Amino acid sequence: MKDRYDRIVDQLIPLFDKNPDPLSRMATSVALLHHKMNHFFWTGFYRLAGGDLIVGPYQGPLACSILEPRGTGVCWAAVERNESILVPDVSSFEGHIACDSRSASEVVVPVRDDGENLIGVLDVDSAAADAFSTVDVAGLESVTRLIYR
């Protein structure tokens, strides 16, 4: 699995060298991740804007446009802790926000700009329980570091 993430990063670097826009880089990242990783059910970014987490580029079924209430769910936990969170079973995560009832496991990675300011999160869901590992976390962290490089 690590090799697959390495190949994804290798594919993104030359694309990003030609396009410095972070929003475009987010869209490209989620498209590539979503179509290369069979266990990804929903793949997307939530951006911090005006104190809210607002949906950004994503692939998969319809998403929550704003994650409410503030301070609940895996994405808000990743923002508040300023760290990646791996959830093998979303039903066991207190306050989980279910944008789609088919989501069974989740991994959320903070996204920082070039000044290291937290600007949002990359959120990936799977329809299978326990679908993610620390390899996914590390791979997704590698992808998010490219958004503002």
C-alpha atoms as a PDB file:
ATOM      1  CA  MET A   1       0.000   0.000   0.000  1.00  0.00           C
ATOM      2  CA  LYS A   2       2.866   2.392   0.764  1.00  0.00           C
ATOM      3  CA  ASP A   3       4.099   1.895  -2.808  1.00  0.00           C
ATOM      4  CA  ARG A   4       0.721   2.984  -4.145  1.00  0.00           C
ATOM      5  CA  TYR A   5       0.840   6.202  -2.128  1.00  0.00           C
ATOM      6  CA  ASP A   6       4.403   6.812  -3.299  1.00  0.00           C
ATOM      7  CA  ARG A   7       3.251   6.474  -6.918  1.00  0.00           C
ATOM      8  CA  ILE A   8       0.346   8.870  -6.287  1.00  0.00           C
ATOM      9  CA  VAL A   9       2.727  11.464  -4.827  1.00  0.00           C
ATOM     10  CA  ASP A  10       5.054  10.949  -7.811  1.00  0.00           C
ATOM     11  CA  GLN A  11       2.106  11.578 -10.165  1.00  0.00           C
ATOM     12  CA  LEU A  12       0.973  14.699  -8.328  1.00  0.00           C
ATOM     13  CA  ILE A  13       4.347  16.485  -8.132  1.00  0.00           C
ATOM     14  CA  PRO A  14       4.716  17.273 -11.858  1.00  0.00           C
ATOM     15  CA  LEU A  15       1.041  18.221 -12.104  1.00  0.00           C
ATOM     16  CA  PHE A  16       1.408  20.615  -9.183  1.00  0.00           C
ATOM     17  CA  ASP A  17       4.631  22.086 -10.583  1.00  0.00           C
ATOM     18  CA  LYS A  18       2.509  23.366 -13.484  1.00  0.00           C
ATOM     19  CA  ASN A  19      -0.379  24.622 -11.331  1.00  0.00           C
ATOM     20  CA  PRO A  20       0.280  26.448  -8.048  1.00  0.00           C
ATOM     21  CA  ASP A  21      -3.402  26.999  -7.136  1.00  0.00           C
ATOM     22  CA  PRO A  22      -4.239  25.179  -3.849  1.00  0.00           C
ATOM     23  CA  LEU A  23      -7.929  24.654  -4.673  1.00  0.00           C
ATOM     24  CA  SER A  24      -7.032  23.093  -8.006  1.00  0.00           C
ATOM     25  CA  ARG A  25      -4.430  20.934  -6.282  1.00  0.00           C
ATOM     26  CA  MET A  26      -7.079  19.733  -3.829  1.00  0.00           C
ATOM     27  CA  ALA A  27      -9.406  18.792  -6.697  1.00  0.00           C
ATOM     28  CA  THR A  28      -6.651  16.933  -8.529  1.00  0.00           C
ATOM     29  CA  SER A  29      -5.579  15.121  -5.351  1.00  0.00           C
ATOM     30  CA  VAL A  30      -9.038  13.838  -4.479  1.00  0.00           C
ATOM     31  CA  ALA A  31      -9.727  12.724  -8.051  1.00  0.00           C
ATOM     32  CA  LEU A  32      -6.507  10.727  -8.177  1.00  0.00           C
ATOM     33  CA  LEU A  33      -6.867   9.270  -4.674  1.00  0.00           C
ATOM     34  CA  HIS A  34     -10.524   8.360  -5.104  1.00  0.00           C
ATOM     35  CA  HIS A  35      -9.959   6.501  -8.346  1.00  0.00           C
ATOM     36  CA  LYS A  36      -6.711   4.772  -7.345  1.00  0.00           C
ATOM     37  CA  MET A  37      -7.731   3.556  -3.895  1.00  0.00           C
ATOM     38  CA  ASN A  38     -10.477   0.929  -4.109  1.00  0.00           C
ATOM     39  CA  HIS A  39     -11.395   1.148  -0.423  1.00  0.00           C
ATOM     40  CA  PHE A  40     -12.183   4.900  -0.577  1.00  0.00           C
ATOM     41  CA  PHE A  41     -15.938   5.551  -0.527  1.00  0.00           C
ATOM     42  CA  TRP A  42     -15.763   9.342  -0.104  1.00  0.00           C
ATOM     43  CA  THR A  43     -12.651  11.459  -0.563  1.00  0.00           C
ATOM     44  CA  GLY A  44     -12.585  15.193  -0.017  1.00  0.00           C
ATOM     45  CA  PHE A  45     -11.490  18.346   1.691  1.00  0.00           C
ATOM     46  CA  TYR A  46     -13.256  20.455   4.281  1.00  0.00           C
ATOM     47  CA  ARG A  47     -11.910  24.006   4.458  1.00  0.00           C
ATOM     48  CA  LEU A  48     -11.952  26.273   7.497  1.00  0.00           C
ATOM     49  CA  ALA A  49     -13.858  29.414   6.541  1.00  0.00           C
ATOM     50  CA  GLY A  50     -15.408  31.872   8.969  1.00  0.00           C
ATOM     51  CA  GLY A  51     -15.110  29.383  11.813  1.00  0.00           C
ATOM     52  CA  ASP A  52     -16.917  26.645   9.876  1.00  0.00           C
ATOM     53  CA  LEU A  53     -15.730  23.522   8.111  1.00  0.00           C
ATOM     54  CA  ILE A  54     -17.102  23.915   4.585  1.00  0.00           C
ATOM     55  CA  VAL A  55     -16.895  21.218   1.931  1.00  0.00           C
ATOM     56  CA  GLY A  56     -14.239  21.712  -0.719  1.00  0.00           C
ATOM     57  CA  PRO A  57     -13.333  19.530  -3.679  1.00  0.00           C
ATOM     58  CA  TYR A  58     -14.493  15.944  -3.246  1.00  0.00           C
ATOM     59  CA  GLN A  59     -15.340  12.680  -5.011  1.00  0.00           C
ATOM     60  CA  GLY A  60     -18.112  10.313  -3.967  1.00  0.00           C
ATOM     61  CA  PRO A  61     -21.725  10.682  -2.884  1.00  0.00           C
ATOM     62  CA  LEU A  62     -23.245  13.990  -1.858  1.00  0.00           C
ATOM     63  CA  ALA A  63     -21.481  15.507   1.155  1.00  0.00           C
ATOM     64  CA  CYS A  64     -22.485  17.639   4.095  1.00  0.00           C
ATOM     65  CA  SER A  65     -21.867  21.189   2.878  1.00  0.00           C
ATOM     66  CA  ILE A  66     -21.051  22.451   6.398  1.00  0.00           C
ATOM     67  CA  LEU A  67     -20.053  20.175   9.273  1.00  0.00           C
ATOM     68  CA  GLU A  68     -22.405  21.019  12.109  1.00  0.00           C
ATOM     69  CA  PRO A  69     -22.563  21.336  14.972  1.00  0.00           C
ATOM     70  CA  ARG A  70     -19.125  22.856  15.398  1.00  0.00           C
ATOM     71  CA  GLY A  71     -16.774  20.843  17.569  1.00  0.00           C
ATOM     72  CA  THR A  72     -18.349  17.446  16.824  1.00  0.00           C
ATOM     73  CA  GLY A  73     -17.275  14.659  14.520  1.00  0.00           C
ATOM     74  CA  VAL A  74     -13.950  13.331  13.317  1.00  0.00           C
ATOM     75  CA  CYS A  75     -13.070  16.327  11.136  1.00  0.00           C
ATOM     76  CA  TRP A  76     -13.577  18.799  13.977  1.00  0.00           C
ATOM     77  CA  ALA A  77     -11.595  16.535  16.305  1.00  0.00           C
ATOM     78  CA  ALA A  78      -8.680  16.574  13.830  1.00  0.00           C
ATOM     79  CA  VAL A  79      -8.873  20.381  13.718  1.00  0.00           C
ATOM     80  CA  GLU A  80      -9.051  20.746  17.496  1.00  0.00           C
ATOM     81  CA  ARG A  81      -6.233  18.242  18.122  1.00  0.00           C
ATOM     82  CA  ASN A  82      -4.275  19.479  15.085  1.00  0.00           C
ATOM     83  CA  GLU A  83      -3.432  15.865  14.207  1.00  0.00           C
ATOM     84  CA  SER A  84      -4.524  13.027  11.969  1.00  0.00           C
ATOM     85  CA  ILE A  85      -7.248  10.734  13.280  1.00  0.00           C
ATOM     86  CA  LEU A  86      -7.878   7.128  12.248  1.00  0.00           C
ATOM     87  CA  VAL A  87     -11.324   5.731  13.103  1.00  0.00           C
ATOM     88  CA  PRO A  88     -11.779   1.982  12.452  1.00  0.00           C
ATOM     89  CA  ASP A  89     -15.516   2.086  13.322  1.00  0.00           C
ATOM     90  CA  VAL A  90     -17.335   5.415  13.004  1.00  0.00           C
ATOM     91  CA  SER A  91     -20.241   4.153  15.119  1.00  0.00           C
ATOM     92  CA  SER A  92     -17.876   4.078  18.103  1.00  0.00           C
ATOM     93  CA  PHE A  93     -16.712   7.692  17.622  1.00  0.00           C
ATOM     94  CA  GLU A  94     -18.773   9.904  19.917  1.00  0.00           C
ATOM     95  CA  GLY A  95     -20.403  12.739  17.981  1.00  0.00           C
ATOM     96  CA  HIS A  96     -19.627  11.274  14.552  1.00  0.00           C
ATOM     97  CA  ILE A  97     -21.334  13.300  11.812  1.00  0.00           C
ATOM     98  CA  ALA A  98     -22.888  10.857   9.347  1.00  0.00           C
ATOM     99  CA  CYS A  99     -23.125  12.611   5.988  1.00  0.00           C
ATOM    100  CA  ASP A 100     -23.795   9.181   4.459  1.00  0.00           C
ATOM    101  CA  SER A 101     -24.990   6.206   6.503  1.00  0.00           C
ATOM    102  CA  ARG A 102     -22.855   3.829   4.395  1.00  0.00           C
ATOM    103  CA  SER A 103     -19.648   5.221   5.875  1.00  0.00           C
ATOM    104  CA  ALA A 104     -18.125   2.665   8.268  1.00  0.00           C
ATOM    105  CA  SER A 105     -14.531   3.848   8.850  1.00  0.00           C
ATOM    106  CA  GLU A 106     -12.698   7.115   8.368  1.00  0.00           C
ATOM    107  CA  VAL A 107      -9.343   8.837   8.351  1.00  0.00           C
ATOM    108  CA  VAL A 108      -8.922  12.616   8.623  1.00  0.00           C
ATOM    109  CA  VAL A 109      -5.664  14.508   8.029  1.00  0.00           C
ATOM    110  CA  PRO A 110      -5.083  18.205   8.785  1.00  0.00           C
ATOM    111  CA  VAL A 111      -4.087  20.452   5.877  1.00  0.00           C
ATOM    112  CA  ARG A 112      -1.671  23.305   6.507  1.00  0.00           C
ATOM    113  CA  ASP A 113      -0.681  26.196   4.271  1.00  0.00           C
ATOM    114  CA  ASP A 114       2.933  27.124   3.546  1.00  0.00           C
ATOM    115  CA  GLY A 115       3.038  29.077   6.823  1.00  0.00           C
ATOM    116  CA  GLU A 116       1.953  25.938   8.705  1.00  0.00           C
ATOM    117  CA  ASN A 117      -1.467  27.424   9.498  1.00  0.00           C
ATOM    118  CA  LEU A 118      -4.287  24.892   9.664  1.00  0.00           C
ATOM    119  CA  ILE A 119      -6.616  25.614   6.735  1.00  0.00           C
ATOM    120  CA  GLY A 120      -8.785  22.474   6.716  1.00  0.00           C
ATOM    121  CA  VAL A 121      -8.732  18.692   6.546  1.00  0.00           C
ATOM    122  CA  LEU A 122      -8.603  15.863   4.054  1.00  0.00           C
ATOM    123  CA  ASP A 123     -11.381  13.427   4.957  1.00  0.00           C
ATOM    124  CA  VAL A 124     -11.577   9.885   3.564  1.00  0.00           C
ATOM    125  CA  ASP A 125     -14.381   7.439   4.320  1.00  0.00           C
ATOM    126  CA  SER A 126     -14.783   3.750   3.537  1.00  0.00           C
ATOM    127  CA  ALA A 127     -17.930   1.647   3.419  1.00  0.00           C
ATOM    128  CA  ALA A 128     -15.951  -1.135   5.143  1.00  0.00           C
ATOM    129  CA  ALA A 129     -15.107  -1.152   8.832  1.00  0.00           C
ATOM    130  CA  ASP A 130     -11.411  -1.048   9.739  1.00  0.00           C
ATOM    131  CA  ALA A 131     -10.473  -0.175   6.147  1.00  0.00           C
ATOM    132  CA  PHE A 132      -7.600   2.184   6.998  1.00  0.00           C
ATOM    133  CA  SER A 133      -4.223   1.783   8.645  1.00  0.00           C
ATOM    134  CA  THR A 134      -1.301   3.934   9.664  1.00  0.00           C
ATOM    135  CA  VAL A 135      -0.003   3.443   6.114  1.00  0.00           C
ATOM    136  CA  ASP A 136      -3.064   5.329   4.846  1.00  0.00           C
ATOM    137  CA  VAL A 137      -2.485   8.071   7.404  1.00  0.00           C
ATOM    138  CA  ALA A 138       1.153   8.506   6.353  1.00  0.00           C
ATOM    139  CA  GLY A 139       0.274   8.386   2.658  1.00  0.00           C
ATOM    140  CA  LEU A 140      -2.500  10.953   2.991  1.00  0.00           C
ATOM    141  CA  GLU A 141      -0.242  13.202   5.063  1.00  0.00           C
ATOM    142  CA  SER A 142       2.290  13.061   2.200  1.00  0.00           C
ATOM    143  CA  VAL A 143      -0.409  14.152  -0.240  1.00  0.00           C
ATOM    144  CA  THR A 144      -1.626  17.032   1.936  1.00  0.00           C
ATOM    145  CA  ARG A 145       1.925  18.386   2.286  1.00  0.00           C
ATOM    146  CA  LEU A 146       1.930  18.906  -1.497  1.00  0.00           C
ATOM    147  CA  ILE A 147      -1.120  21.189  -1.563  1.00  0.00           C
ATOM    148  CA  TYR A 148       0.801  24.321  -0.494  1.00  0.00           C
ATOM    149  CA  ARG A 149       4.417  23.348  -1.290  1.00  0.00           C
END
